[in-house]
Amino acid sequence: MGMSNWILGNEEKFWSIAEETIGECEVFEQFYSAMKTHTDLLTGSPSECNNLNDFEDMLSEAWNEKWSEYVE
């Protein structure tokens, strides 16, 4: 059970970093580049992506969700 908690804790840390980072980025490419350095936190987690296209799609969804709050 300890390993599972560690994996889920790392996933939570990834999304906390994403939440902080997303507001600091003017364009999606900045967000993607910043978060790419944290992919190791997703190893073994439900959010782990098999390739960079899936990773980009996952971040794009988070980006669109965040900024849709400000668009009518």
C-alpha atoms as a PDB file:
ATOM      1  CA  MET A   1       0.000   0.000   0.000  1.00  0.00           C
ATOM      2  CA  GLY A   2       2.934   2.355   0.601  1.00  0.00           C
ATOM      3  CA  MET A   3       3.959   2.357  -3.053  1.00  0.00           C
ATOM      4  CA  SER A   4       0.395   3.140  -4.131  1.00  0.00           C
ATOM      5  CA  ASN A   5       0.263   6.126  -1.777  1.00  0.00           C
ATOM      6  CA  TRP A   6       3.600   7.344  -3.126  1.00  0.00           C
ATOM      7  CA  ILE A   7       2.389   7.097  -6.750  1.00  0.00           C
ATOM      8  CA  LEU A   8      -0.871   8.874  -6.007  1.00  0.00           C
ATOM      9  CA  GLY A   9       0.982  11.500  -3.969  1.00  0.00           C
ATOM     10  CA  ASN A  10       3.266  12.183  -6.920  1.00  0.00           C
ATOM     11  CA  GLU A  11       0.248  12.483  -9.230  1.00  0.00           C
ATOM     12  CA  GLU A  12      -1.326  14.964  -6.825  1.00  0.00           C
ATOM     13  CA  LYS A  13       1.942  16.913  -6.745  1.00  0.00           C
ATOM     14  CA  PHE A  14       1.980  17.012 -10.574  1.00  0.00           C
ATOM     15  CA  TRP A  15      -1.528  18.484 -10.702  1.00  0.00           C
ATOM     16  CA  SER A  16      -0.694  20.993  -7.941  1.00  0.00           C
ATOM     17  CA  ILE A  17       2.277  22.170  -9.977  1.00  0.00           C
ATOM     18  CA  ALA A  18       0.055  22.311 -13.066  1.00  0.00           C
ATOM     19  CA  GLU A  19      -2.503  24.436 -11.236  1.00  0.00           C
ATOM     20  CA  GLU A  20       0.193  26.901 -10.165  1.00  0.00           C
ATOM     21  CA  THR A  21       1.918  26.920 -13.536  1.00  0.00           C
ATOM     22  CA  ILE A  22      -1.140  27.294 -15.749  1.00  0.00           C
ATOM     23  CA  GLY A  23      -1.894  30.768 -14.438  1.00  0.00           C
ATOM     24  CA  GLU A  24       1.647  31.935 -15.113  1.00  0.00           C
ATOM     25  CA  CYS A  25       1.591  30.975 -18.800  1.00  0.00           C
ATOM     26  CA  GLU A  26       0.328  33.200 -21.581  1.00  0.00           C
ATOM     27  CA  VAL A  27       0.076  30.449 -24.191  1.00  0.00           C
ATOM     28  CA  PHE A  28      -0.420  26.692 -24.100  1.00  0.00           C
ATOM     29  CA  GLU A  29       3.095  26.022 -25.422  1.00  0.00           C
ATOM     30  CA  GLN A  30       4.601  27.638 -22.315  1.00  0.00           C
ATOM     31  CA  PHE A  31       2.419  25.481 -20.098  1.00  0.00           C
ATOM     32  CA  TYR A  32       3.289  22.321 -22.029  1.00  0.00           C
ATOM     33  CA  SER A  33       7.027  23.028 -21.863  1.00  0.00           C
ATOM     34  CA  ALA A  34       6.911  23.781 -18.158  1.00  0.00           C
ATOM     35  CA  MET A  35       4.931  20.645 -17.326  1.00  0.00           C
ATOM     36  CA  LYS A  36       6.984  18.356 -19.558  1.00  0.00           C
ATOM     37  CA  THR A  37       9.775  18.586 -16.994  1.00  0.00           C
ATOM     38  CA  HIS A  38       7.470  17.011 -14.389  1.00  0.00           C
ATOM     39  CA  THR A  39       6.323  13.902 -16.312  1.00  0.00           C
ATOM     40  CA  ASP A  40       8.287  11.677 -13.926  1.00  0.00           C
ATOM     41  CA  LEU A  41       5.698  12.466 -11.239  1.00  0.00           C
ATOM     42  CA  LEU A  42       3.082  10.587 -13.265  1.00  0.00           C
ATOM     43  CA  THR A  43       4.968   7.286 -13.436  1.00  0.00           C
ATOM     44  CA  GLY A  44       2.620   4.461 -12.521  1.00  0.00           C
ATOM     45  CA  SER A  45      -0.352   6.763 -11.934  1.00  0.00           C
ATOM     46  CA  PRO A  46      -3.736   6.802 -13.661  1.00  0.00           C
ATOM     47  CA  SER A  47      -2.662  10.046 -15.389  1.00  0.00           C
ATOM     48  CA  GLU A  48       0.516   8.525 -16.850  1.00  0.00           C
ATOM     49  CA  CYS A  49       0.561   8.942 -20.624  1.00  0.00           C
ATOM     50  CA  ASN A  50       1.970   6.436 -23.087  1.00  0.00           C
ATOM     51  CA  ASN A  51       3.307   9.092 -25.456  1.00  0.00           C
ATOM     52  CA  LEU A  52       3.760  12.825 -25.820  1.00  0.00           C
ATOM     53  CA  ASN A  53       0.589  13.189 -27.901  1.00  0.00           C
ATOM     54  CA  ASP A  54      -1.488  11.797 -25.040  1.00  0.00           C
ATOM     55  CA  PHE A  55       0.395  14.039 -22.603  1.00  0.00           C
ATOM     56  CA  GLU A  56      -0.296  17.074 -24.776  1.00  0.00           C
ATOM     57  CA  ASP A  57      -3.993  16.139 -25.023  1.00  0.00           C
ATOM     58  CA  MET A  58      -4.243  15.767 -21.249  1.00  0.00           C
ATOM     59  CA  LEU A  59      -2.636  19.167 -20.660  1.00  0.00           C
ATOM     60  CA  SER A  60      -4.715  20.749 -23.411  1.00  0.00           C
ATOM     61  CA  GLU A  61      -7.850  19.578 -21.639  1.00  0.00           C
ATOM     62  CA  ALA A  62      -6.626  21.142 -18.374  1.00  0.00           C
ATOM     63  CA  TRP A  63      -5.674  24.359 -20.232  1.00  0.00           C
ATOM     64  CA  ASN A  64      -9.073  24.632 -21.917  1.00  0.00           C
ATOM     65  CA  GLU A  65     -10.900  23.893 -18.681  1.00  0.00           C
ATOM     66  CA  LYS A  66      -8.956  26.577 -16.825  1.00  0.00           C
ATOM     67  CA  TRP A  67      -9.296  29.331 -19.396  1.00  0.00           C
ATOM     68  CA  SER A  68     -12.899  28.549 -20.343  1.00  0.00           C
ATOM     69  CA  GLU A  69     -13.827  30.144 -17.005  1.00  0.00           C
ATOM     70  CA  TYR A  70     -12.849  33.502 -18.512  1.00  0.00           C
ATOM     71  CA  VAL A  71     -14.486  33.171 -21.939  1.00  0.00           C
ATOM     72  CA  GLU A  72     -18.173  33.668 -22.504  1.00  0.00           C
END
